[in-house]
Amino acid sequence: MGEIVNLRQVKKQRAKAEAAAQAAENRAKFGRTKAAKRREALETERATQLLDGAKREDDAT
């Protein structure tokens, strides 16, 4: 005879495997390290300061 299988456990295992696959996909799509986020923020701040420093003031208002 075949092996006895608890269908409830199989259903839970399948759902857990699908959730793990979705989590891995999301990590690949959206995940960035803390250092990468910090580096991007510093680059943005540096670019903003550079643009603000190069702005010409218009005194004829």
PDB file of N, CA and C in Angstrom:
ATOM      1  N   MET A   1       0.826  -1.193   0.000  1.00  0.00           N
ATOM      2  CA  MET A   1       0.000   0.000   0.000  1.00  0.00           C
ATOM      3  C   MET A   1       0.867   1.251   0.000  1.00  0.00           C
ATOM      4  N   GLY A   2       0.226   2.338  -0.341  1.00  0.00           N
ATOM      5  CA  GLY A   2       0.946   3.603  -0.404  1.00  0.00           C
ATOM      6  C   GLY A   2       1.163   4.207   0.972  1.00  0.00           C
ATOM      7  N   GLU A   3       1.966   5.235   0.977  1.00  0.00           N
ATOM      8  CA  GLU A   3       2.271   5.928   2.224  1.00  0.00           C
ATOM      9  C   GLU A   3       1.081   6.795   2.631  1.00  0.00           C
ATOM     10  N   ILE A   4       0.799   6.814   3.933  1.00  0.00           N
ATOM     11  CA  ILE A   4      -0.301   7.628   4.449  1.00  0.00           C
ATOM     12  C   ILE A   4       0.168   9.085   4.525  1.00  0.00           C
ATOM     13  N   VAL A   5      -0.647   9.989   3.976  1.00  0.00           N
ATOM     14  CA  VAL A   5      -0.284  11.397   3.897  1.00  0.00           C
ATOM     15  C   VAL A   5      -1.374  12.217   4.564  1.00  0.00           C
ATOM     16  N   ASN A   6      -0.951  13.127   5.428  1.00  0.00           N
ATOM     17  CA  ASN A   6      -1.875  14.054   6.064  1.00  0.00           C
ATOM     18  C   ASN A   6      -2.039  15.250   5.121  1.00  0.00           C
ATOM     19  N   LEU A   7      -3.206  15.381   4.524  1.00  0.00           N
ATOM     20  CA  LEU A   7      -3.427  16.412   3.520  1.00  0.00           C
ATOM     21  C   LEU A   7      -3.312  17.823   4.086  1.00  0.00           C
ATOM     22  N   ARG A   8      -3.675  17.987   5.326  1.00  0.00           N
ATOM     23  CA  ARG A   8      -3.585  19.309   5.961  1.00  0.00           C
ATOM     24  C   ARG A   8      -2.115  19.742   6.042  1.00  0.00           C
ATOM     25  N   GLN A   9      -1.240  18.818   6.425  1.00  0.00           N
ATOM     26  CA  GLN A   9       0.185  19.137   6.520  1.00  0.00           C
ATOM     27  C   GLN A   9       0.786  19.412   5.142  1.00  0.00           C
ATOM     28  N   VAL A  10       0.358  18.654   4.151  1.00  0.00           N
ATOM     29  CA  VAL A  10       0.866  18.871   2.796  1.00  0.00           C
ATOM     30  C   VAL A  10       0.439  20.245   2.295  1.00  0.00           C
ATOM     31  N   LYS A  11      -0.790  20.621   2.597  1.00  0.00           N
ATOM     32  CA  LYS A  11      -1.300  21.924   2.175  1.00  0.00           C
ATOM     33  C   LYS A  11      -0.512  23.051   2.842  1.00  0.00           C
ATOM     34  N   LYS A  12      -0.212  22.896   4.129  1.00  0.00           N
ATOM     35  CA  LYS A  12       0.557  23.910   4.850  1.00  0.00           C
ATOM     36  C   LYS A  12       1.987  23.992   4.303  1.00  0.00           C
ATOM     37  N   GLN A  13       2.597  22.851   4.006  1.00  0.00           N
ATOM     38  CA  GLN A  13       3.952  22.838   3.469  1.00  0.00           C
ATOM     39  C   GLN A  13       4.005  23.526   2.102  1.00  0.00           C
ATOM     40  N   ARG A  14       3.009  23.274   1.282  1.00  0.00           N
ATOM     41  CA  ARG A  14       2.962  23.896  -0.034  1.00  0.00           C
ATOM     42  C   ARG A  14       2.813  25.407   0.096  1.00  0.00           C
ATOM     43  N   ALA A  15       1.938  25.860   0.998  1.00  0.00           N
ATOM     44  CA  ALA A  15       1.745  27.299   1.204  1.00  0.00           C
ATOM     45  C   ALA A  15       3.020  27.947   1.725  1.00  0.00           C
ATOM     46  N   LYS A  16       3.721  27.260   2.614  1.00  0.00           N
ATOM     47  CA  LYS A  16       4.962  27.792   3.166  1.00  0.00           C
ATOM     48  C   LYS A  16       6.027  27.901   2.079  1.00  0.00           C
ATOM     49  N   ALA A  17       6.105  26.919   1.204  1.00  0.00           N
ATOM     50  CA  ALA A  17       7.080  26.941   0.116  1.00  0.00           C
ATOM     51  C   ALA A  17       6.772  28.076  -0.863  1.00  0.00           C
ATOM     52  N   GLU A  18       5.501  28.292  -1.162  1.00  0.00           N
ATOM     53  CA  GLU A  18       5.117  29.384  -2.063  1.00  0.00           C
ATOM     54  C   GLU A  18       5.436  30.738  -1.439  1.00  0.00           C
ATOM     55  N   ALA A  19       5.191  30.868  -0.126  1.00  0.00           N
ATOM     56  CA  ALA A  19       5.498  32.128   0.559  1.00  0.00           C
ATOM     57  C   ALA A  19       6.992  32.383   0.557  1.00  0.00           C
ATOM     58  N   ALA A  20       7.790  31.341   0.744  1.00  0.00           N
ATOM     59  CA  ALA A  20       9.244  31.490   0.739  1.00  0.00           C
ATOM     60  C   ALA A  20       9.735  31.904  -0.650  1.00  0.00           C
ATOM     61  N   ALA A  21       9.140  31.337  -1.677  1.00  0.00           N
ATOM     62  CA  ALA A  21       9.527  31.704  -3.042  1.00  0.00           C
ATOM     63  C   ALA A  21       9.177  33.159  -3.326  1.00  0.00           C
ATOM     64  N   GLN A  22       8.011  33.602  -2.887  1.00  0.00           N
ATOM     65  CA  GLN A  22       7.594  34.993  -3.081  1.00  0.00           C
ATOM     66  C   GLN A  22       8.510  35.939  -2.312  1.00  0.00           C
ATOM     67  N   ALA A  23       8.892  35.552  -1.100  1.00  0.00           N
ATOM     68  CA  ALA A  23       9.788  36.385  -0.297  1.00  0.00           C
ATOM     69  C   ALA A  23      11.152  36.513  -0.966  1.00  0.00           C
ATOM     70  N   ALA A  24      11.658  35.418  -1.523  1.00  0.00           N
ATOM     71  CA  ALA A  24      12.944  35.465  -2.208  1.00  0.00           C
ATOM     72  C   ALA A  24      12.872  36.374  -3.431  1.00  0.00           C
ATOM     73  N   GLU A  25      11.779  36.311  -4.149  1.00  0.00           N
ATOM     74  CA  GLU A  25      11.598  37.169  -5.320  1.00  0.00           C
ATOM     75  C   GLU A  25      11.552  38.633  -4.898  1.00  0.00           C
ATOM     76  N   ASN A  26      10.844  38.933  -3.819  1.00  0.00           N
ATOM     77  CA  ASN A  26      10.751  40.320  -3.339  1.00  0.00           C
ATOM     78  C   ASN A  26      12.097  40.826  -2.839  1.00  0.00           C
ATOM     79  N   ARG A  27      12.865  39.958  -2.171  1.00  0.00           N
ATOM     80  CA  ARG A  27      14.188  40.385  -1.707  1.00  0.00           C
ATOM     81  C   ARG A  27      15.073  40.739  -2.886  1.00  0.00           C
ATOM     82  N   ALA A  28      14.995  39.952  -3.938  1.00  0.00           N
ATOM     83  CA  ALA A  28      15.806  40.232  -5.121  1.00  0.00           C
ATOM     84  C   ALA A  28      15.346  41.516  -5.804  1.00  0.00           C
ATOM     85  N   LYS A  29      14.059  41.770  -5.795  1.00  0.00           N
ATOM     86  CA  LYS A  29      13.506  42.922  -6.505  1.00  0.00           C
ATOM     87  C   LYS A  29      13.681  44.219  -5.720  1.00  0.00           C
ATOM     88  N   PHE A  30      13.404  44.192  -4.419  1.00  0.00           N
ATOM     89  CA  PHE A  30      13.351  45.430  -3.643  1.00  0.00           C
ATOM     90  C   PHE A  30      14.456  45.573  -2.598  1.00  0.00           C
ATOM     91  N   GLY A  31      15.136  44.508  -2.287  1.00  0.00           N
ATOM     92  CA  GLY A  31      16.083  44.542  -1.177  1.00  0.00           C
ATOM     93  C   GLY A  31      17.362  45.292  -1.483  1.00  0.00           C
ATOM     94  N   ARG A  32      17.750  46.154  -0.578  1.00  0.00           N
ATOM     95  CA  ARG A  32      19.027  46.847  -0.652  1.00  0.00           C
ATOM     96  C   ARG A  32      19.622  46.844   0.747  1.00  0.00           C
ATOM     97  N   THR A  33      20.915  46.856   0.820  1.00  0.00           N
ATOM     98  CA  THR A  33      21.558  46.871   2.119  1.00  0.00           C
ATOM     99  C   THR A  33      21.481  48.278   2.718  1.00  0.00           C
ATOM    100  N   LYS A  34      21.727  48.358   4.005  1.00  0.00           N
ATOM    101  CA  LYS A  34      21.702  49.638   4.689  1.00  0.00           C
ATOM    102  C   LYS A  34      22.788  50.558   4.124  1.00  0.00           C
ATOM    103  N   ALA A  35      23.939  49.977   3.812  1.00  0.00           N
ATOM    104  CA  ALA A  35      25.037  50.764   3.253  1.00  0.00           C
ATOM    105  C   ALA A  35      24.660  51.330   1.889  1.00  0.00           C
ATOM    106  N   ALA A  36      23.965  50.551   1.079  1.00  0.00           N
ATOM    107  CA  ALA A  36      23.551  51.035  -0.246  1.00  0.00           C
ATOM    108  C   ALA A  36      22.558  52.177  -0.109  1.00  0.00           C
ATOM    109  N   LYS A  37      21.628  52.062   0.823  1.00  0.00           N
ATOM    110  CA  LYS A  37      20.657  53.142   1.055  1.00  0.00           C
ATOM    111  C   LYS A  37      21.369  54.406   1.519  1.00  0.00           C
ATOM    112  N   ARG A  38      22.329  54.257   2.427  1.00  0.00           N
ATOM    113  CA  ARG A  38      23.065  55.404   2.951  1.00  0.00           C
ATOM    114  C   ARG A  38      23.877  56.067   1.845  1.00  0.00           C
ATOM    115  N   ARG A  39      24.533  55.248   1.010  1.00  0.00           N
ATOM    116  CA  ARG A  39      25.331  55.784  -0.092  1.00  0.00           C
ATOM    117  C   ARG A  39      24.462  56.577  -1.060  1.00  0.00           C
ATOM    118  N   GLU A  40      23.300  56.064  -1.376  1.00  0.00           N
ATOM    119  CA  GLU A  40      22.391  56.767  -2.281  1.00  0.00           C
ATOM    120  C   GLU A  40      21.924  58.087  -1.667  1.00  0.00           C
ATOM    121  N   ALA A  41      21.628  58.080  -0.379  1.00  0.00           N
ATOM    122  CA  ALA A  41      21.189  59.308   0.293  1.00  0.00           C
ATOM    123  C   ALA A  41      22.308  60.348   0.285  1.00  0.00           C
ATOM    124  N   LEU A  42      23.548  59.921   0.526  1.00  0.00           N
ATOM    125  CA  LEU A  42      24.670  60.858   0.505  1.00  0.00           C
ATOM    126  C   LEU A  42      24.892  61.425  -0.887  1.00  0.00           C
ATOM    127  N   GLU A  43      24.781  60.588  -1.911  1.00  0.00           N
ATOM    128  CA  GLU A  43      24.944  61.070  -3.280  1.00  0.00           C
ATOM    129  C   GLU A  43      23.855  62.082  -3.640  1.00  0.00           C
ATOM    130  N   THR A  44      22.634  61.815  -3.222  1.00  0.00           N
ATOM    131  CA  THR A  44      21.531  62.743  -3.484  1.00  0.00           C
ATOM    132  C   THR A  44      21.766  64.069  -2.775  1.00  0.00           C
ATOM    133  N   GLU A  45      22.181  64.010  -1.518  1.00  0.00           N
ATOM    134  CA  GLU A  45      22.450  65.225  -0.745  1.00  0.00           C
ATOM    135  C   GLU A  45      23.588  66.021  -1.371  1.00  0.00           C
ATOM    136  N   ARG A  46      24.637  65.328  -1.796  1.00  0.00           N
ATOM    137  CA  ARG A  46      25.779  65.992  -2.419  1.00  0.00           C
ATOM    138  C   ARG A  46      25.355  66.677  -3.720  1.00  0.00           C
ATOM    139  N   ALA A  47      24.534  66.021  -4.521  1.00  0.00           N
ATOM    140  CA  ALA A  47      24.069  66.613  -5.774  1.00  0.00           C
ATOM    141  C   ALA A  47      23.191  67.838  -5.510  1.00  0.00           C
ATOM    142  N   THR A  48      22.344  67.748  -4.484  1.00  0.00           N
ATOM    143  CA  THR A  48      21.483  68.881  -4.127  1.00  0.00           C
ATOM    144  C   THR A  48      22.321  70.078  -3.695  1.00  0.00           C
ATOM    145  N   GLN A  49      23.332  69.838  -2.885  1.00  0.00           N
ATOM    146  CA  GLN A  49      24.193  70.924  -2.429  1.00  0.00           C
ATOM    147  C   GLN A  49      24.965  71.547  -3.591  1.00  0.00           C
ATOM    148  N   LEU A  50      25.400  70.700  -4.514  1.00  0.00           N
ATOM    149  CA  LEU A  50      26.132  71.200  -5.671  1.00  0.00           C
ATOM    150  C   LEU A  50      25.237  72.098  -6.518  1.00  0.00           C
ATOM    151  N   LEU A  51      24.010  71.679  -6.742  1.00  0.00           N
ATOM    152  CA  LEU A  51      23.082  72.488  -7.534  1.00  0.00           C
ATOM    153  C   LEU A  51      22.711  73.777  -6.815  1.00  0.00           C
ATOM    154  N   ASP A  52      22.480  73.710  -5.500  1.00  0.00           N
ATOM    155  CA  ASP A  52      22.133  74.906  -4.748  1.00  0.00           C
ATOM    156  C   ASP A  52      23.304  75.883  -4.698  1.00  0.00           C
ATOM    157  N   GLY A  53      24.519  75.357  -4.660  1.00  0.00           N
ATOM    158  CA  GLY A  53      25.702  76.213  -4.632  1.00  0.00           C
ATOM    159  C   GLY A  53      25.929  76.903  -5.965  1.00  0.00           C
ATOM    160  N   ALA A  54      25.479  76.312  -7.046  1.00  0.00           N
ATOM    161  CA  ALA A  54      25.687  76.894  -8.371  1.00  0.00           C
ATOM    162  C   ALA A  54      24.548  77.823  -8.782  1.00  0.00           C
ATOM    163  N   LYS A  55      23.537  77.951  -7.933  1.00  0.00           N
ATOM    164  CA  LYS A  55      22.387  78.802  -8.259  1.00  0.00           C
ATOM    165  C   LYS A  55      22.785  80.268  -8.244  1.00  0.00           C
ATOM    166  N   ARG A  56      22.267  80.992  -9.206  1.00  0.00           N
ATOM    167  CA  ARG A  56      22.500  82.422  -9.239  1.00  0.00           C
ATOM    168  C   ARG A  56      21.309  83.121  -8.615  1.00  0.00           C
ATOM    169  N   GLU A  57      21.582  84.028  -7.712  1.00  0.00           N
ATOM    170  CA  GLU A  57      20.532  84.778  -7.040  1.00  0.00           C
ATOM    171  C   GLU A  57      20.081  85.927  -7.931  1.00  0.00           C
ATOM    172  N   ASP A  58      18.807  86.182  -7.975  1.00  0.00           N
ATOM    173  CA  ASP A  58      18.218  87.244  -8.760  1.00  0.00           C
ATOM    174  C   ASP A  58      17.766  88.347  -7.801  1.00  0.00           C
ATOM    175  N   ASP A  59      18.490  89.455  -7.725  1.00  0.00           N
ATOM    176  CA  ASP A  59      18.180  90.528  -6.788  1.00  0.00           C
ATOM    177  C   ASP A  59      17.168  91.524  -7.330  1.00  0.00           C
ATOM    178  N   ALA A  60      16.685  91.364  -8.525  1.00  0.00           N
ATOM    179  CA  ALA A  60      15.782  92.344  -9.147  1.00  0.00           C
ATOM    180  C   ALA A  60      14.318  92.040  -8.840  1.00  0.00           C
ATOM    181  N   THR A  61      14.010  91.573  -7.664  1.00  0.00           N
ATOM    182  CA  THR A  61      12.607  91.278  -7.323  1.00  0.00           C
ATOM    183  C   THR A  61      11.877  92.444  -6.793  1.00  0.00           C
TER     184      THR A  61
END
